[in-house]
Amino acid sequence: MNNKIKVLFTACALLAFGCSCDNKPKDNGADYTISPEAGTSYKSGDEVKVKVSLPADTKPDSIVYMLDALKLGVAKDSAGISIKTDTIPLGIKVITAKVYAGGKDQEVTTNIILLAAKAPELLTYKVEKVFPHDTSAYTEGLQYADGVLYESTGEPGHSTIRKVDLQTGKVLMQTKLGAQYFGEGLSVVGDKVIQLTYREKVGFVYDKNTLKLLSTFTNNVGVEGWGMCFDGKKLYTDDSTNRIFFLDKDTYKQTGFIDVYDDKAKVDSVNELEYINGKLYANVYQKDDILVIDPKTGAVLQKVDLKDIYPMAGRPQDRDWGNNVLNGIAYDAATKRLFVTGKKWPHLYQIKLTPAP
């Protein structure tokens, strides 16, 4: 790019950024401001009072208020409105007021950060049974269906999709991915299995019974492909951030999203996903936490720390334990068994979660 063009582009970008952050209208007419101040945090359930301040000599004909793309209402004066937040998905919310006065209209914007209403309930766990797990399996996706484990493994040249015997940990059937692909999350959807890839922007569709590749699709949802699960109607995927996307189960196109927050901040690196009894279970990459997430709002409802499930003292010292971390959640709905494992771990654990003392 020509250096003069670069300078011009940079100047324009800085100017645009500055204008978007000062709570002032896009037009340089009347000096309107809006509250609350940009970046103010609220808890879900809090009432947010929004008010536009106008010059003393300005009488508005009407003020239209928007939350993101949703119209909240119309006011005839600058007294403001109140926003109820108990059912709003969490995260950064843009508030826009469009002021009509003197035959002109101008917009003024701000934003808030909506957090979970309360701290997540802390859970504890009990190991009920231990099963063998293939130590060559860099586990990225895991699901229990039809009496077997469906597992997606990663690493270029070693990525697979496989069926695994729960009792023995032995591979019953598998399909290898091309050497250029890094396998990620998977989900069983009807008579098919869907598998993501890490950065290759490709998704695979397999026959559930034979694991024969049926088709591929372009996956441009999110910055990377990570975890995946299915609630019977739609797919959920994530991408290394705190965002969980909704996908159409037939077209694999995005239909919506939630952002994951607890009562203090966003929770990044949401990874392997499992849908259990109306909630999303997710591990946090390179941490020992499993989160229970509200799929409607993104609020972290519960959290369990599994750091001692595979004690460091009992692990071989020649392994890359900073990389071979907890990753893999599966649920047997018929018997209510919950399974967890990790990348190249020798064990898969059946656990029971209960409230912490």
Protein backbone atom coordinates (compact mmCIF):
# COMPACT_ATOMS: atom_id res chain seq x y z
CA MET A 1 0.00 0.00 0.00
CA ASN A 2 1.27 3.52 -0.87
CA ASN A 3 2.63 5.34 2.24
CA LYS A 4 0.45 8.42 1.64
CA ILE A 5 -2.63 6.22 1.44
CA LYS A 6 -1.54 4.47 4.64
CA VAL A 7 -1.27 7.78 6.49
CA LEU A 8 -4.65 8.93 5.20
CA PHE A 9 -6.27 5.61 6.13
CA THR A 10 -4.78 5.71 9.64
CA ALA A 11 -5.94 9.27 10.21
CA CYS A 12 -9.47 8.42 9.09
CA ALA A 13 -9.56 5.34 11.28
CA LEU A 14 -8.44 7.31 14.35
CA LEU A 15 -10.99 10.02 13.63
CA ALA A 16 -13.78 7.44 13.28
CA PHE A 17 -12.74 5.69 16.50
CA GLY A 18 -12.68 8.95 18.42
CA CYS A 19 -16.14 9.92 17.23
CA SER A 20 -17.64 6.58 18.19
CA CYS A 21 -16.50 6.73 21.82
CA ASP A 22 -17.49 10.20 23.08
CA ASN A 23 -21.26 9.70 23.52
CA LYS A 24 -21.85 12.53 21.02
CA PRO A 25 -24.14 12.48 17.95
CA LYS A 26 -22.88 11.61 14.50
CA ASP A 27 -23.94 15.01 13.19
CA ASN A 28 -22.12 18.10 14.48
CA GLY A 29 -25.35 19.99 15.21
CA ALA A 30 -26.81 20.26 18.68
CA ASP A 31 -24.59 19.17 21.58
CA TYR A 32 -26.43 16.06 22.72
CA THR A 33 -25.07 13.59 25.27
CA ILE A 34 -26.43 10.30 26.62
CA SER A 35 -26.08 8.42 29.87
CA PRO A 36 -25.05 5.98 31.25
CA GLU A 37 -21.39 6.48 30.43
CA ALA A 38 -19.98 4.06 27.85
CA GLY A 39 -18.57 0.89 29.41
CA THR A 40 -20.68 1.01 32.58
CA SER A 41 -21.30 -2.47 34.01
CA TYR A 42 -24.63 -3.77 35.24
CA LYS A 43 -25.81 -7.11 36.64
CA SER A 44 -28.58 -9.00 34.87
CA GLY A 45 -31.84 -7.89 36.48
CA ASP A 46 -30.62 -4.36 37.17
CA GLU A 47 -32.67 -1.48 35.83
CA VAL A 48 -30.73 0.70 33.38
CA LYS A 49 -31.89 4.30 33.22
CA VAL A 50 -31.11 5.96 29.89
CA LYS A 51 -31.32 9.72 29.46
CA VAL A 52 -30.43 12.11 26.65
CA SER A 53 -29.24 15.57 27.67
CA LEU A 54 -30.15 18.38 25.26
CA PRO A 55 -29.28 22.08 25.10
CA ALA A 56 -31.73 24.26 27.03
CA ASP A 57 -33.18 25.76 23.85
CA THR A 58 -33.85 22.39 22.19
CA LYS A 59 -37.30 20.79 22.44
CA PRO A 60 -37.45 17.33 20.87
CA ASP A 61 -40.42 16.21 18.80
CA SER A 62 -39.60 12.63 19.78
CA ILE A 63 -36.72 10.41 20.85
CA VAL A 64 -36.53 6.80 19.61
CA TYR A 65 -34.52 4.41 21.80
CA MET A 66 -32.82 1.24 20.53
CA LEU A 67 -30.93 -1.57 22.25
CA ASP A 68 -28.67 -3.09 19.61
CA ALA A 69 -31.17 -3.62 16.75
CA LEU A 70 -34.24 -3.80 19.03
CA LYS A 71 -36.56 -0.79 19.28
CA LEU A 72 -37.28 -0.09 22.94
CA GLY A 73 -39.77 2.75 22.66
CA VAL A 74 -40.47 6.36 21.78
CA ALA A 75 -40.46 9.33 24.18
CA LYS A 76 -41.81 12.81 23.63
CA ASP A 77 -39.31 14.50 25.92
CA SER A 78 -35.84 13.99 27.36
CA ALA A 79 -36.98 12.43 30.63
CA GLY A 80 -35.44 9.14 29.50
CA ILE A 81 -36.45 5.49 29.74
CA SER A 82 -35.66 2.46 31.88
CA ILE A 83 -34.43 -0.85 30.45
CA LYS A 84 -35.24 -4.12 32.17
CA THR A 85 -32.32 -6.53 31.81
CA ASP A 86 -33.51 -9.79 33.37
CA THR A 87 -34.10 -11.55 30.04
CA ILE A 88 -31.42 -9.86 27.90
CA PRO A 89 -28.40 -11.92 26.76
CA LEU A 90 -25.21 -10.82 28.49
CA GLY A 91 -22.34 -8.83 27.06
CA ILE A 92 -21.75 -5.45 25.44
CA LYS A 93 -25.04 -3.77 24.54
CA VAL A 94 -25.22 -0.68 22.34
CA ILE A 95 -27.86 1.87 23.30
CA THR A 96 -28.90 4.36 20.63
CA ALA A 97 -31.18 7.38 20.95
CA LYS A 98 -32.41 9.01 17.74
CA VAL A 99 -33.52 12.55 18.45
CA TYR A 100 -36.02 14.28 16.17
CA ALA A 101 -36.08 18.07 16.66
CA GLY A 102 -36.55 21.08 14.41
CA GLY A 103 -37.06 18.98 11.31
CA LYS A 104 -33.76 17.16 11.80
CA ASP A 105 -32.78 13.86 13.31
CA GLN A 106 -29.54 12.96 15.04
CA GLU A 107 -28.25 9.86 16.83
CA VAL A 108 -26.31 9.60 20.04
CA THR A 109 -24.99 6.29 21.35
CA THR A 110 -23.45 4.65 24.38
CA ASN A 111 -22.90 1.09 25.57
CA ILE A 112 -23.15 -0.99 28.72
CA ILE A 113 -21.69 -4.32 29.80
CA LEU A 114 -24.29 -6.72 31.16
CA LEU A 115 -22.89 -9.30 33.59
CA ALA A 116 -24.41 -12.38 35.23
CA ALA A 117 -26.74 -11.61 38.13
CA LYS A 118 -24.67 -13.51 40.68
CA ALA A 119 -21.51 -15.52 41.11
CA PRO A 120 -21.67 -19.08 39.77
CA GLU A 121 -22.63 -21.79 42.23
CA LEU A 122 -19.57 -23.84 43.08
CA LEU A 123 -19.81 -27.59 42.52
CA THR A 124 -17.68 -30.45 43.64
CA TYR A 125 -17.23 -33.86 42.03
CA LYS A 126 -16.91 -37.52 42.89
CA VAL A 127 -15.21 -40.04 40.62
CA GLU A 128 -17.57 -42.99 40.27
CA LYS A 129 -15.62 -45.05 37.76
CA VAL A 130 -12.44 -44.90 35.70
CA PHE A 131 -12.17 -46.18 32.13
CA PRO A 132 -9.09 -46.51 29.89
CA HIS A 133 -8.43 -43.83 27.27
CA ASP A 134 -6.10 -43.87 24.26
CA THR A 135 -2.99 -41.84 25.13
CA SER A 136 -2.44 -41.03 21.46
CA ALA A 137 -5.86 -39.32 21.26
CA TYR A 138 -5.52 -35.53 21.35
CA THR A 139 -9.17 -35.20 22.35
CA GLU A 140 -11.05 -32.26 20.85
CA GLY A 141 -14.65 -33.48 20.77
CA LEU A 142 -16.47 -36.19 22.71
CA GLN A 143 -20.03 -37.51 22.72
CA TYR A 144 -21.72 -40.66 24.02
CA ALA A 145 -24.42 -42.10 21.71
CA ASP A 146 -25.70 -45.55 20.78
CA GLY A 147 -23.62 -47.19 23.51
CA VAL A 148 -20.27 -45.91 22.22
CA LEU A 149 -18.12 -42.80 22.44
CA TYR A 150 -17.77 -40.64 19.35
CA GLU A 151 -14.43 -38.87 19.58
CA SER A 152 -12.69 -36.25 17.45
CA THR A 153 -8.93 -35.99 17.76
CA GLY A 154 -6.62 -33.19 16.67
CA GLU A 155 -3.06 -32.48 15.57
CA PRO A 156 -2.07 -32.31 11.87
CA GLY A 157 -1.37 -35.74 10.45
CA HIS A 158 -3.02 -37.47 13.41
CA SER A 159 -6.55 -36.07 13.33
CA THR A 160 -9.40 -38.59 13.26
CA ILE A 161 -13.05 -39.12 13.91
CA ARG A 162 -13.66 -42.41 15.68
CA LYS A 163 -15.99 -44.67 17.58
CA VAL A 164 -14.55 -45.90 20.87
CA ASP A 165 -15.57 -48.69 23.21
CA LEU A 166 -16.22 -47.12 26.60
CA GLN A 167 -15.19 -50.15 28.65
CA THR A 168 -11.86 -50.84 26.95
CA GLY A 169 -10.95 -47.51 25.35
CA LYS A 170 -10.24 -49.33 22.09
CA VAL A 171 -11.02 -47.76 18.73
CA LEU A 172 -13.88 -49.61 17.05
CA MET A 173 -13.90 -47.61 13.83
CA GLN A 174 -12.21 -44.45 12.60
CA THR A 175 -11.73 -42.16 9.63
CA LYS A 176 -8.51 -40.22 9.31
CA LEU A 177 -8.49 -36.61 8.22
CA GLY A 178 -6.09 -35.34 5.58
CA ALA A 179 -2.67 -34.30 6.87
CA GLN A 180 -3.54 -30.63 6.35
CA TYR A 181 -6.48 -30.76 8.79
CA PHE A 182 -6.61 -30.36 12.55
CA GLY A 183 -9.75 -32.04 13.91
CA GLU A 184 -11.87 -30.18 16.47
CA GLY A 185 -15.36 -30.49 18.01
CA LEU A 186 -18.02 -32.94 16.85
CA SER A 187 -21.71 -33.62 17.29
CA VAL A 188 -24.07 -36.44 16.36
CA VAL A 189 -27.07 -35.03 14.49
CA GLY A 190 -29.60 -37.66 13.46
CA ASP A 191 -27.87 -40.20 11.22
CA LYS A 192 -24.83 -37.94 10.70
CA VAL A 193 -21.79 -36.79 12.64
CA ILE A 194 -20.58 -33.21 12.14
CA GLN A 195 -16.92 -32.35 12.77
CA LEU A 196 -15.15 -28.98 12.80
CA THR A 197 -11.55 -28.18 11.95
CA TYR A 198 -9.29 -25.75 13.79
CA ARG A 199 -8.18 -23.05 11.33
CA GLU A 200 -8.92 -24.65 7.98
CA LYS A 201 -12.49 -23.23 7.80
CA VAL A 202 -13.84 -26.62 6.72
CA GLY A 203 -16.49 -28.78 8.36
CA PHE A 204 -17.04 -32.49 7.66
CA VAL A 205 -20.28 -34.48 7.54
CA TYR A 206 -20.03 -38.25 8.10
CA ASP A 207 -22.42 -41.17 8.06
CA LYS A 208 -22.97 -41.97 11.74
CA ASN A 209 -22.89 -45.74 11.28
CA THR A 210 -19.88 -46.09 8.99
CA LEU A 211 -18.01 -42.78 9.54
CA LYS A 212 -17.81 -42.48 5.78
CA LEU A 213 -17.32 -38.88 4.67
CA LEU A 214 -20.52 -37.65 3.00
CA SER A 215 -19.80 -33.99 2.37
CA THR A 216 -17.95 -30.89 3.50
CA PHE A 217 -19.03 -27.33 4.17
CA THR A 218 -17.34 -23.96 4.61
CA ASN A 219 -17.22 -22.87 8.24
CA ASN A 220 -16.66 -19.13 8.46
CA VAL A 221 -18.39 -18.78 11.82
CA GLY A 222 -15.97 -17.38 14.41
CA VAL A 223 -12.22 -16.90 14.28
CA GLU A 224 -11.48 -20.64 14.72
CA GLY A 225 -13.31 -23.94 15.04
CA TRP A 226 -13.33 -25.32 18.61
CA GLY A 227 -16.17 -27.10 20.42
CA MET A 228 -19.56 -28.30 19.20
CA CYS A 229 -22.77 -29.78 20.61
CA PHE A 230 -26.44 -30.22 19.65
CA ASP A 231 -29.64 -29.61 21.61
CA GLY A 232 -31.96 -31.49 19.27
CA LYS A 233 -32.83 -28.38 17.27
CA LYS A 234 -29.68 -26.35 16.70
CA LEU A 235 -25.91 -26.72 16.90
CA TYR A 236 -23.68 -24.73 19.24
CA THR A 237 -20.05 -23.94 18.41
CA ASP A 238 -17.32 -21.76 19.88
CA ASP A 239 -14.11 -20.23 18.58
CA SER A 240 -11.51 -19.48 21.34
CA THR A 241 -13.31 -16.36 22.61
CA ASN A 242 -16.25 -16.05 25.03
CA ARG A 243 -18.78 -16.36 22.20
CA ILE A 244 -20.96 -19.41 21.54
CA PHE A 245 -22.63 -19.45 18.13
CA PHE A 246 -25.92 -21.05 17.08
CA LEU A 247 -25.88 -22.93 13.76
CA ASP A 248 -28.69 -24.33 11.65
CA LYS A 249 -28.45 -28.13 11.89
CA ASP A 250 -28.94 -28.60 8.14
CA THR A 251 -27.13 -25.66 6.53
CA TYR A 252 -24.49 -25.03 9.25
CA LYS A 253 -25.09 -21.29 8.87
CA GLN A 254 -25.10 -18.98 11.88
CA THR A 255 -28.51 -18.14 13.34
CA GLY A 256 -27.47 -16.33 16.53
CA PHE A 257 -25.03 -16.28 19.44
CA ILE A 258 -24.54 -15.69 23.15
CA ASP A 259 -21.52 -14.29 24.99
CA VAL A 260 -20.34 -16.05 28.14
CA TYR A 261 -20.00 -13.92 31.29
CA ASP A 262 -19.91 -14.54 35.00
CA ASP A 263 -20.72 -11.83 37.56
CA LYS A 264 -17.35 -10.11 37.08
CA ALA A 265 -16.23 -10.34 33.45
CA LYS A 266 -16.35 -12.27 30.21
CA VAL A 267 -15.00 -15.83 30.22
CA ASP A 268 -12.70 -16.47 27.26
CA SER A 269 -11.40 -19.77 25.81
CA VAL A 270 -14.71 -21.60 26.12
CA ASN A 271 -13.89 -24.93 24.48
CA GLU A 272 -15.41 -28.43 24.40
CA LEU A 273 -19.21 -28.33 24.65
CA GLU A 274 -21.95 -30.70 25.80
CA TYR A 275 -25.70 -30.06 26.04
CA ILE A 276 -27.13 -31.60 29.22
CA ASN A 277 -30.68 -31.13 30.52
CA GLY A 278 -31.19 -27.71 28.99
CA LYS A 279 -27.78 -26.30 29.90
CA LEU A 280 -24.43 -25.99 28.14
CA TYR A 281 -21.44 -27.63 29.81
CA ALA A 282 -18.06 -26.29 28.67
CA ASN A 283 -14.48 -26.64 29.75
CA VAL A 284 -12.16 -23.63 29.68
CA TYR A 285 -9.06 -24.33 27.60
CA GLN A 286 -5.87 -24.84 29.64
CA LYS A 287 -7.83 -24.61 32.88
CA ASP A 288 -9.38 -27.32 35.02
CA ASP A 289 -12.81 -25.69 35.14
CA ILE A 290 -16.05 -26.94 33.69
CA LEU A 291 -18.77 -24.30 33.43
CA VAL A 292 -22.53 -24.74 33.34
CA ILE A 293 -23.92 -22.01 31.07
CA ASP A 294 -27.43 -20.69 30.43
CA PRO A 295 -27.89 -21.16 26.65
CA LYS A 296 -30.31 -18.22 26.47
CA THR A 297 -28.27 -15.53 28.19
CA GLY A 298 -24.67 -16.79 28.37
CA ALA A 299 -24.59 -16.54 32.18
CA VAL A 300 -22.25 -18.91 34.00
CA LEU A 301 -24.60 -20.61 36.45
CA GLN A 302 -22.26 -23.16 38.02
CA LYS A 303 -18.57 -24.06 38.02
CA VAL A 304 -16.56 -27.09 39.08
CA ASP A 305 -12.78 -27.28 39.47
CA LEU A 306 -11.39 -30.66 38.34
CA LYS A 307 -7.71 -29.88 38.97
CA ASP A 308 -7.15 -32.97 41.12
CA ILE A 309 -9.03 -35.49 38.99
CA TYR A 310 -5.74 -36.59 37.35
CA PRO A 311 -3.14 -35.64 40.00
CA MET A 312 0.05 -34.10 38.65
CA ALA A 313 2.11 -36.29 40.98
CA GLY A 314 0.85 -39.38 39.16
CA ARG A 315 1.53 -38.13 35.63
CA PRO A 316 4.58 -39.21 33.61
CA GLN A 317 7.09 -36.36 33.63
CA ASP A 318 8.03 -36.69 29.95
CA ARG A 319 4.64 -35.47 28.68
CA ASP A 320 3.63 -31.95 27.63
CA TRP A 321 1.07 -31.37 30.40
CA GLY A 322 0.75 -27.69 29.57
CA ASN A 323 -0.79 -28.78 26.27
CA ASN A 324 -2.34 -32.14 27.16
CA VAL A 325 -5.03 -30.57 29.29
CA LEU A 326 -8.58 -31.35 30.39
CA ASN A 327 -10.75 -31.50 27.28
CA GLY A 328 -13.69 -33.79 26.65
CA ILE A 329 -17.21 -33.91 28.12
CA ALA A 330 -19.79 -36.58 27.27
CA TYR A 331 -23.16 -37.49 28.78
CA ASP A 332 -25.19 -40.68 28.70
CA ALA A 333 -28.75 -39.36 29.01
CA ALA A 334 -30.25 -42.83 29.53
CA THR A 335 -28.21 -43.59 32.66
CA LYS A 336 -27.33 -40.00 33.61
CA ARG A 337 -23.61 -40.73 33.50
CA LEU A 338 -21.19 -37.83 32.97
CA PHE A 339 -17.75 -38.51 31.49
CA VAL A 340 -14.67 -36.29 31.26
CA THR A 341 -11.15 -36.80 29.94
CA GLY A 342 -8.19 -34.85 28.58
CA LYS A 343 -5.86 -34.66 25.63
CA LYS A 344 -3.73 -37.83 25.58
CA TRP A 345 -4.87 -38.76 29.08
CA PRO A 346 -4.75 -42.47 29.94
CA HIS A 347 -8.09 -42.31 31.73
CA LEU A 348 -11.69 -41.29 31.09
CA TYR A 349 -13.56 -40.53 34.31
CA GLN A 350 -17.22 -41.05 35.15
CA ILE A 351 -18.06 -38.33 37.66
CA LYS A 352 -20.99 -37.05 39.66
CA LEU A 353 -21.42 -33.34 40.37
CA THR A 354 -22.94 -32.00 43.58
CA PRO A 355 -23.07 -28.58 45.27
CA ALA A 356 -19.85 -27.76 47.12
CA PRO A 357 -20.10 -27.78 50.93
